[in-house]
Amino acid sequence: MDVQCNSLEEVRERIDQIDRAMVDLIAQRGGFVAQAARFKKDSADVRAPARVEQVIAKVRALADERGASAAVVEQVYRTMIAAFIEEELRTHAALSADA
């Protein structure tokens, strides 16, 4: 991190900028998750615990490379993935009902 803030207000402004970028990225990720539902046969394919662990291992390694807390990144990703799985299950069920 290269930026040194000079006030709490500046810190909060920087965090707000990051939050906007993160929400944009979450929205993009969600769009791909919705698309993935079309390619999965059943709810077991949606849950895909082996894939979840693969993603967790990948993001923990990225956290280590980038100087982030691997524990925090893992917790954030596990929560995000669980929410996306629930959404994808609903999408998958709707697609199956239409078929």
N, C-alpha and C. Protein backbone atom coordinates (compact mmCIF):
# COMPACT_ATOMS: atom_id res chain seq x y z
N MET A 1 0.85 -1.17 0.00
CA MET A 1 0.00 0.00 0.00
C MET A 1 0.89 1.23 0.00
N ASP A 2 0.75 2.04 -1.00
CA ASP A 2 1.61 3.22 -1.16
C ASP A 2 0.99 4.50 -0.62
N VAL A 3 -0.32 4.55 -0.51
CA VAL A 3 -1.01 5.78 -0.15
C VAL A 3 -1.04 5.95 1.36
N GLN A 4 -0.57 7.08 1.82
CA GLN A 4 -0.64 7.44 3.23
C GLN A 4 -1.68 8.54 3.39
N CYS A 5 -2.69 8.29 4.16
CA CYS A 5 -3.75 9.27 4.36
C CYS A 5 -3.36 10.22 5.50
N ASN A 6 -3.91 11.41 5.42
CA ASN A 6 -3.60 12.44 6.41
C ASN A 6 -4.74 12.72 7.37
N SER A 7 -5.85 12.01 7.20
CA SER A 7 -6.98 12.22 8.11
C SER A 7 -7.89 11.00 8.05
N LEU A 8 -8.72 10.86 9.05
CA LEU A 8 -9.71 9.80 9.07
C LEU A 8 -10.68 9.96 7.91
N GLU A 9 -11.03 11.19 7.59
CA GLU A 9 -11.92 11.46 6.46
C GLU A 9 -11.33 10.93 5.16
N GLU A 10 -10.05 11.16 4.96
CA GLU A 10 -9.38 10.66 3.75
C GLU A 10 -9.36 9.13 3.73
N VAL A 11 -9.11 8.51 4.88
CA VAL A 11 -9.14 7.05 4.97
C VAL A 11 -10.52 6.55 4.55
N ARG A 12 -11.56 7.19 5.08
CA ARG A 12 -12.93 6.77 4.76
C ARG A 12 -13.26 6.98 3.28
N GLU A 13 -12.79 8.06 2.70
CA GLU A 13 -13.00 8.29 1.26
C GLU A 13 -12.35 7.19 0.44
N ARG A 14 -11.13 6.81 0.82
CA ARG A 14 -10.42 5.74 0.10
C ARG A 14 -11.17 4.42 0.24
N ILE A 15 -11.65 4.14 1.45
CA ILE A 15 -12.41 2.90 1.67
C ILE A 15 -13.69 2.92 0.84
N ASP A 16 -14.37 4.07 0.78
CA ASP A 16 -15.58 4.18 -0.04
C ASP A 16 -15.29 3.90 -1.51
N GLN A 17 -14.16 4.38 -2.01
CA GLN A 17 -13.77 4.11 -3.39
C GLN A 17 -13.56 2.61 -3.61
N ILE A 18 -12.89 1.99 -2.67
CA ILE A 18 -12.65 0.55 -2.76
C ILE A 18 -13.97 -0.22 -2.70
N ASP A 19 -14.86 0.20 -1.81
CA ASP A 19 -16.16 -0.47 -1.70
C ASP A 19 -16.93 -0.40 -3.01
N ARG A 20 -16.92 0.75 -3.68
CA ARG A 20 -17.61 0.86 -4.97
C ARG A 20 -17.00 -0.12 -5.99
N ALA A 21 -15.69 -0.19 -6.02
CA ALA A 21 -15.03 -1.11 -6.95
C ALA A 21 -15.35 -2.56 -6.60
N MET A 22 -15.36 -2.87 -5.31
CA MET A 22 -15.66 -4.25 -4.90
C MET A 22 -17.09 -4.64 -5.25
N VAL A 23 -18.04 -3.74 -5.06
CA VAL A 23 -19.43 -4.04 -5.40
C VAL A 23 -19.55 -4.26 -6.92
N ASP A 24 -18.85 -3.45 -7.70
CA ASP A 24 -18.86 -3.66 -9.15
C ASP A 24 -18.32 -5.05 -9.50
N LEU A 25 -17.24 -5.45 -8.85
CA LEU A 25 -16.65 -6.76 -9.12
C LEU A 25 -17.56 -7.90 -8.65
N ILE A 26 -18.22 -7.71 -7.51
CA ILE A 26 -19.16 -8.72 -7.03
C ILE A 26 -20.32 -8.86 -8.01
N ALA A 27 -20.79 -7.75 -8.55
CA ALA A 27 -21.86 -7.80 -9.55
C ALA A 27 -21.40 -8.57 -10.78
N GLN A 28 -20.19 -8.32 -11.23
CA GLN A 28 -19.66 -9.05 -12.39
C GLN A 28 -19.55 -10.54 -12.08
N ARG A 29 -19.03 -10.87 -10.90
CA ARG A 29 -18.89 -12.27 -10.50
C ARG A 29 -20.27 -12.93 -10.46
N GLY A 30 -21.25 -12.21 -9.92
CA GLY A 30 -22.61 -12.74 -9.85
C GLY A 30 -23.19 -13.04 -11.22
N GLY A 31 -22.88 -12.22 -12.19
CA GLY A 31 -23.35 -12.48 -13.55
C GLY A 31 -22.79 -13.78 -14.10
N PHE A 32 -21.54 -14.05 -13.81
CA PHE A 32 -20.94 -15.30 -14.27
C PHE A 32 -21.48 -16.50 -13.49
N VAL A 33 -21.74 -16.31 -12.20
CA VAL A 33 -22.34 -17.37 -11.40
C VAL A 33 -23.70 -17.74 -11.98
N ALA A 34 -24.49 -16.74 -12.34
CA ALA A 34 -25.81 -17.00 -12.93
C ALA A 34 -25.67 -17.78 -14.24
N GLN A 35 -24.67 -17.42 -15.03
CA GLN A 35 -24.45 -18.17 -16.27
C GLN A 35 -24.04 -19.61 -16.00
N ALA A 36 -23.25 -19.81 -14.96
CA ALA A 36 -22.77 -21.16 -14.63
C ALA A 36 -23.93 -22.11 -14.34
N ALA A 37 -25.00 -21.57 -13.77
CA ALA A 37 -26.16 -22.41 -13.43
C ALA A 37 -26.70 -23.15 -14.66
N ARG A 38 -26.56 -22.55 -15.83
CA ARG A 38 -27.07 -23.19 -17.06
C ARG A 38 -26.31 -24.46 -17.40
N PHE A 39 -25.07 -24.57 -16.94
CA PHE A 39 -24.21 -25.68 -17.33
C PHE A 39 -24.18 -26.81 -16.30
N LYS A 40 -24.90 -26.64 -15.22
CA LYS A 40 -24.85 -27.62 -14.14
C LYS A 40 -26.09 -28.49 -14.16
N LYS A 41 -25.88 -29.79 -13.92
CA LYS A 41 -26.98 -30.76 -14.03
C LYS A 41 -27.92 -30.74 -12.84
N ASP A 42 -27.38 -30.55 -11.64
CA ASP A 42 -28.21 -30.64 -10.45
C ASP A 42 -27.64 -29.79 -9.32
N SER A 43 -28.33 -29.82 -8.17
CA SER A 43 -27.90 -28.97 -7.05
C SER A 43 -26.55 -29.39 -6.50
N ALA A 44 -26.18 -30.65 -6.63
CA ALA A 44 -24.85 -31.08 -6.19
C ALA A 44 -23.77 -30.40 -7.03
N ASP A 45 -24.03 -30.25 -8.31
CA ASP A 45 -23.08 -29.53 -9.18
C ASP A 45 -22.99 -28.06 -8.77
N VAL A 46 -24.10 -27.49 -8.31
CA VAL A 46 -24.10 -26.09 -7.87
C VAL A 46 -23.27 -25.95 -6.60
N ARG A 47 -23.48 -26.85 -5.65
CA ARG A 47 -22.77 -26.76 -4.37
C ARG A 47 -21.28 -27.02 -4.53
N ALA A 48 -20.90 -27.99 -5.31
CA ALA A 48 -19.52 -28.31 -5.69
C ALA A 48 -18.48 -28.03 -4.59
N PRO A 49 -18.52 -28.76 -3.48
CA PRO A 49 -17.60 -28.48 -2.38
C PRO A 49 -16.12 -28.56 -2.76
N ALA A 50 -15.77 -29.45 -3.67
CA ALA A 50 -14.37 -29.53 -4.10
C ALA A 50 -13.95 -28.25 -4.81
N ARG A 51 -14.85 -27.69 -5.62
CA ARG A 51 -14.56 -26.43 -6.31
C ARG A 51 -14.44 -25.29 -5.31
N VAL A 52 -15.29 -25.28 -4.29
CA VAL A 52 -15.21 -24.24 -3.27
C VAL A 52 -13.82 -24.28 -2.63
N GLU A 53 -13.36 -25.46 -2.25
CA GLU A 53 -12.05 -25.57 -1.61
C GLU A 53 -10.92 -25.17 -2.55
N GLN A 54 -11.09 -25.45 -3.84
CA GLN A 54 -10.11 -25.03 -4.84
C GLN A 54 -10.03 -23.50 -4.89
N VAL A 55 -11.18 -22.84 -4.89
CA VAL A 55 -11.23 -21.38 -4.92
C VAL A 55 -10.60 -20.82 -3.64
N ILE A 56 -10.92 -21.41 -2.49
CA ILE A 56 -10.38 -20.93 -1.22
C ILE A 56 -8.85 -21.05 -1.23
N ALA A 57 -8.33 -22.16 -1.68
CA ALA A 57 -6.87 -22.33 -1.74
C ALA A 57 -6.25 -21.27 -2.65
N LYS A 58 -6.91 -21.01 -3.77
CA LYS A 58 -6.39 -20.02 -4.72
C LYS A 58 -6.37 -18.62 -4.11
N VAL A 59 -7.47 -18.22 -3.46
CA VAL A 59 -7.52 -16.86 -2.93
C VAL A 59 -6.63 -16.69 -1.70
N ARG A 60 -6.44 -17.76 -0.93
CA ARG A 60 -5.49 -17.68 0.19
C ARG A 60 -4.07 -17.44 -0.34
N ALA A 61 -3.73 -18.14 -1.41
CA ALA A 61 -2.40 -17.94 -2.02
C ALA A 61 -2.27 -16.52 -2.56
N LEU A 62 -3.33 -16.03 -3.21
CA LEU A 62 -3.30 -14.64 -3.70
C LEU A 62 -3.15 -13.65 -2.55
N ALA A 63 -3.82 -13.92 -1.45
CA ALA A 63 -3.71 -13.04 -0.28
C ALA A 63 -2.27 -13.00 0.21
N ASP A 64 -1.65 -14.16 0.29
CA ASP A 64 -0.25 -14.21 0.73
C ASP A 64 0.65 -13.42 -0.22
N GLU A 65 0.42 -13.58 -1.52
CA GLU A 65 1.22 -12.85 -2.51
C GLU A 65 1.06 -11.34 -2.39
N ARG A 66 -0.16 -10.90 -2.06
CA ARG A 66 -0.48 -9.48 -2.07
C ARG A 66 -0.35 -8.81 -0.70
N GLY A 67 0.03 -9.59 0.31
CA GLY A 67 0.19 -9.01 1.64
C GLY A 67 -1.10 -8.81 2.40
N ALA A 68 -2.15 -9.53 2.00
CA ALA A 68 -3.43 -9.47 2.70
C ALA A 68 -3.50 -10.60 3.72
N SER A 69 -4.39 -10.48 4.67
CA SER A 69 -4.60 -11.55 5.64
C SER A 69 -5.32 -12.71 4.95
N ALA A 70 -4.66 -13.85 4.88
CA ALA A 70 -5.27 -15.03 4.26
C ALA A 70 -6.51 -15.45 5.03
N ALA A 71 -6.51 -15.29 6.34
CA ALA A 71 -7.67 -15.66 7.15
C ALA A 71 -8.86 -14.78 6.83
N VAL A 72 -8.65 -13.47 6.69
CA VAL A 72 -9.74 -12.56 6.36
C VAL A 72 -10.26 -12.86 4.96
N VAL A 73 -9.35 -13.03 4.02
CA VAL A 73 -9.76 -13.32 2.64
C VAL A 73 -10.57 -14.62 2.59
N GLU A 74 -10.12 -15.63 3.30
CA GLU A 74 -10.87 -16.88 3.32
C GLU A 74 -12.27 -16.68 3.89
N GLN A 75 -12.38 -15.98 5.00
CA GLN A 75 -13.68 -15.76 5.62
C GLN A 75 -14.61 -14.99 4.68
N VAL A 76 -14.10 -13.96 4.04
CA VAL A 76 -14.90 -13.17 3.09
C VAL A 76 -15.36 -14.06 1.94
N TYR A 77 -14.45 -14.84 1.39
CA TYR A 77 -14.79 -15.68 0.25
C TYR A 77 -15.77 -16.78 0.63
N ARG A 78 -15.60 -17.38 1.80
CA ARG A 78 -16.55 -18.44 2.20
C ARG A 78 -17.96 -17.86 2.34
N THR A 79 -18.05 -16.66 2.90
CA THR A 79 -19.35 -16.02 3.04
C THR A 79 -19.93 -15.67 1.67
N MET A 80 -19.09 -15.08 0.81
CA MET A 80 -19.55 -14.69 -0.52
C MET A 80 -19.97 -15.93 -1.33
N ILE A 81 -19.17 -16.97 -1.29
CA ILE A 81 -19.49 -18.18 -2.05
C ILE A 81 -20.79 -18.79 -1.55
N ALA A 82 -20.98 -18.83 -0.24
CA ALA A 82 -22.23 -19.39 0.30
C ALA A 82 -23.44 -18.61 -0.21
N ALA A 83 -23.33 -17.28 -0.24
CA ALA A 83 -24.43 -16.46 -0.75
C ALA A 83 -24.66 -16.70 -2.24
N PHE A 84 -23.58 -16.80 -3.00
CA PHE A 84 -23.72 -17.06 -4.43
C PHE A 84 -24.30 -18.45 -4.69
N ILE A 85 -23.93 -19.43 -3.87
CA ILE A 85 -24.50 -20.78 -4.05
C ILE A 85 -26.01 -20.74 -3.85
N GLU A 86 -26.46 -20.04 -2.82
CA GLU A 86 -27.90 -19.92 -2.59
C GLU A 86 -28.59 -19.27 -3.79
N GLU A 87 -27.99 -18.22 -4.30
CA GLU A 87 -28.57 -17.54 -5.47
C GLU A 87 -28.54 -18.44 -6.69
N GLU A 88 -27.44 -19.16 -6.87
CA GLU A 88 -27.32 -20.04 -8.03
C GLU A 88 -28.31 -21.21 -7.92
N LEU A 89 -28.54 -21.70 -6.70
CA LEU A 89 -29.54 -22.77 -6.53
C LEU A 89 -30.92 -22.29 -6.96
N ARG A 90 -31.26 -21.06 -6.61
CA ARG A 90 -32.56 -20.50 -7.05
C ARG A 90 -32.60 -20.38 -8.57
N THR A 91 -31.52 -19.88 -9.15
CA THR A 91 -31.45 -19.75 -10.61
C THR A 91 -31.56 -21.11 -11.27
N HIS A 92 -30.81 -22.08 -10.75
CA HIS A 92 -30.81 -23.42 -11.32
C HIS A 92 -32.20 -24.04 -11.23
N ALA A 93 -32.88 -23.85 -10.09
CA ALA A 93 -34.23 -24.40 -9.92
C ALA A 93 -35.19 -23.76 -10.92
N ALA A 94 -35.07 -22.46 -11.13
CA ALA A 94 -35.94 -21.77 -12.09
C ALA A 94 -35.67 -22.27 -13.51
N LEU A 95 -34.42 -22.46 -13.84
CA LEU A 95 -34.09 -22.97 -15.17
C LEU A 95 -34.61 -24.39 -15.36
N SER A 96 -34.50 -25.22 -14.33
CA SER A 96 -34.99 -26.59 -14.40
C SER A 96 -36.50 -26.63 -14.54
N ALA A 97 -37.18 -25.71 -13.87
CA ALA A 97 -38.64 -25.67 -13.96
C ALA A 97 -39.10 -25.26 -15.35
N ASP A 98 -38.29 -24.42 -16.01
CA ASP A 98 -38.64 -23.98 -17.35
C ASP A 98 -38.36 -25.02 -18.41
N ALA A 99 -37.50 -25.98 -18.10
CA ALA A 99 -37.09 -26.99 -19.09
C ALA A 99 -38.15 -28.02 -19.34
